[in-house]
Amino acid sequence: MTYAADRLHEEVAYVAYHLHWSLDEILDLEHPDRLTYVAEIARINTRMSQGR
């Protein structure tokens, strides 16, 4: 099974934008860990946009 390159780029850009990590730091993460960061960033953004 391969992971779509466009999805990987999306995840990397999202984490890099919010956490200012380098490409190497983000790509060194295991896939489930990277998805955990993506989900947590999304939760934080949602809470902030709702004024919480």
N, C-alpha and C. Protein backbone atom coordinates (compact mmCIF):
# COMPACT_ATOMS: atom_id res chain seq x y z
N MET A 1 0.84 -1.18 0.00
CA MET A 1 0.00 0.00 0.00
C MET A 1 0.89 1.24 0.00
N THR A 2 0.56 2.18 -0.83
CA THR A 2 1.32 3.43 -0.87
C THR A 2 0.45 4.56 -0.36
N TYR A 3 1.12 5.56 0.15
CA TYR A 3 0.42 6.72 0.67
C TYR A 3 0.50 7.81 -0.39
N ALA A 4 -0.61 8.39 -0.74
CA ALA A 4 -0.66 9.38 -1.82
C ALA A 4 0.28 10.54 -1.53
N ALA A 5 1.10 10.87 -2.53
CA ALA A 5 2.08 11.94 -2.38
C ALA A 5 1.42 13.27 -2.06
N ASP A 6 0.28 13.55 -2.68
CA ASP A 6 -0.39 14.82 -2.40
C ASP A 6 -0.86 14.90 -0.95
N ARG A 7 -1.30 13.80 -0.39
CA ARG A 7 -1.73 13.77 1.01
C ARG A 7 -0.53 13.97 1.94
N LEU A 8 0.58 13.35 1.62
CA LEU A 8 1.79 13.52 2.41
C LEU A 8 2.25 14.98 2.39
N HIS A 9 2.25 15.58 1.22
CA HIS A 9 2.64 16.99 1.11
C HIS A 9 1.71 17.88 1.94
N GLU A 10 0.44 17.57 1.91
CA GLU A 10 -0.55 18.33 2.68
C GLU A 10 -0.25 18.24 4.17
N GLU A 11 0.01 17.03 4.66
CA GLU A 11 0.31 16.85 6.08
C GLU A 11 1.59 17.57 6.48
N VAL A 12 2.63 17.43 5.65
CA VAL A 12 3.91 18.08 5.95
C VAL A 12 3.75 19.59 5.98
N ALA A 13 3.07 20.15 5.01
CA ALA A 13 2.87 21.59 4.96
C ALA A 13 2.08 22.08 6.17
N TYR A 14 1.08 21.35 6.57
CA TYR A 14 0.23 21.71 7.70
C TYR A 14 1.03 21.74 8.99
N VAL A 15 1.80 20.69 9.25
CA VAL A 15 2.61 20.62 10.47
C VAL A 15 3.71 21.68 10.43
N ALA A 16 4.37 21.82 9.29
CA ALA A 16 5.45 22.79 9.17
C ALA A 16 4.93 24.21 9.40
N TYR A 17 3.79 24.52 8.85
CA TYR A 17 3.21 25.85 9.00
C TYR A 17 2.92 26.17 10.46
N HIS A 18 2.34 25.23 11.16
CA HIS A 18 1.90 25.48 12.53
C HIS A 18 3.00 25.29 13.58
N LEU A 19 3.91 24.36 13.36
CA LEU A 19 4.92 24.08 14.37
C LEU A 19 6.31 24.54 13.97
N HIS A 20 6.46 24.99 12.73
CA HIS A 20 7.74 25.50 12.23
C HIS A 20 8.85 24.46 12.30
N TRP A 21 8.49 23.21 12.07
CA TRP A 21 9.47 22.13 12.04
C TRP A 21 10.02 22.00 10.63
N SER A 22 11.22 21.47 10.53
CA SER A 22 11.84 21.26 9.21
C SER A 22 11.21 20.05 8.52
N LEU A 23 11.42 19.98 7.23
CA LEU A 23 10.93 18.85 6.45
C LEU A 23 11.47 17.54 7.01
N ASP A 24 12.76 17.51 7.30
CA ASP A 24 13.37 16.28 7.83
C ASP A 24 12.75 15.87 9.16
N GLU A 25 12.49 16.83 10.04
CA GLU A 25 11.88 16.51 11.33
C GLU A 25 10.49 15.90 11.15
N ILE A 26 9.74 16.45 10.24
CA ILE A 26 8.38 15.96 10.02
C ILE A 26 8.40 14.59 9.35
N LEU A 27 9.26 14.43 8.36
CA LEU A 27 9.33 13.14 7.66
C LEU A 27 9.92 12.04 8.53
N ASP A 28 10.66 12.42 9.57
CA ASP A 28 11.20 11.42 10.50
C ASP A 28 10.11 10.83 11.40
N LEU A 29 8.98 11.51 11.49
CA LEU A 29 7.87 10.98 12.29
C LEU A 29 7.29 9.74 11.63
N GLU A 30 6.88 8.80 12.45
CA GLU A 30 6.12 7.67 11.92
C GLU A 30 4.77 8.20 11.45
N HIS A 31 4.19 7.55 10.46
CA HIS A 31 2.93 8.04 9.90
C HIS A 31 1.84 8.25 10.96
N PRO A 32 1.60 7.29 11.86
CA PRO A 32 0.56 7.52 12.87
C PRO A 32 0.87 8.73 13.78
N ASP A 33 2.13 8.95 14.08
CA ASP A 33 2.50 10.10 14.90
C ASP A 33 2.23 11.41 14.16
N ARG A 34 2.58 11.44 12.87
CA ARG A 34 2.32 12.64 12.07
C ARG A 34 0.83 12.93 12.02
N LEU A 35 0.03 11.89 11.84
CA LEU A 35 -1.43 12.09 11.81
C LEU A 35 -1.95 12.58 13.15
N THR A 36 -1.34 12.14 14.24
CA THR A 36 -1.73 12.62 15.56
C THR A 36 -1.48 14.13 15.68
N TYR A 37 -0.32 14.58 15.20
CA TYR A 37 -0.03 16.02 15.23
C TYR A 37 -1.01 16.79 14.35
N VAL A 38 -1.31 16.27 13.19
CA VAL A 38 -2.26 16.93 12.29
C VAL A 38 -3.62 17.07 12.98
N ALA A 39 -4.08 16.00 13.61
CA ALA A 39 -5.38 16.03 14.28
C ALA A 39 -5.38 17.00 15.46
N GLU A 40 -4.30 17.02 16.22
CA GLU A 40 -4.25 17.92 17.38
C GLU A 40 -4.19 19.38 16.95
N ILE A 41 -3.42 19.67 15.92
CA ILE A 41 -3.39 21.04 15.39
C ILE A 41 -4.78 21.45 14.93
N ALA A 42 -5.48 20.55 14.26
CA ALA A 42 -6.84 20.86 13.80
C ALA A 42 -7.76 21.13 14.98
N ARG A 43 -7.65 20.33 16.05
CA ARG A 43 -8.49 20.57 17.24
C ARG A 43 -8.19 21.93 17.86
N ILE A 44 -6.92 22.27 17.97
CA ILE A 44 -6.53 23.57 18.53
C ILE A 44 -7.10 24.69 17.66
N ASN A 45 -6.95 24.57 16.35
CA ASN A 45 -7.48 25.61 15.45
C ASN A 45 -8.99 25.74 15.57
N THR A 46 -9.68 24.63 15.71
CA THR A 46 -11.14 24.67 15.86
C THR A 46 -11.52 25.38 17.16
N ARG A 47 -10.87 25.01 18.26
CA ARG A 47 -11.16 25.66 19.54
C ARG A 47 -10.89 27.16 19.47
N MET A 48 -9.78 27.54 18.86
CA MET A 48 -9.44 28.96 18.77
C MET A 48 -10.45 29.71 17.91
N SER A 49 -10.91 29.11 16.84
CA SER A 49 -11.87 29.79 15.97
C SER A 49 -13.24 29.92 16.63
N GLN A 50 -13.50 29.06 17.61
CA GLN A 50 -14.77 29.13 18.35
C GLN A 50 -14.63 29.99 19.60
N GLY A 51 -13.46 30.56 19.81
CA GLY A 51 -13.24 31.45 20.95
C GLY A 51 -13.10 30.74 22.27
N ARG A 52 -12.64 29.51 22.27
CA ARG A 52 -12.47 28.75 23.51
C ARG A 52 -11.06 28.81 23.98
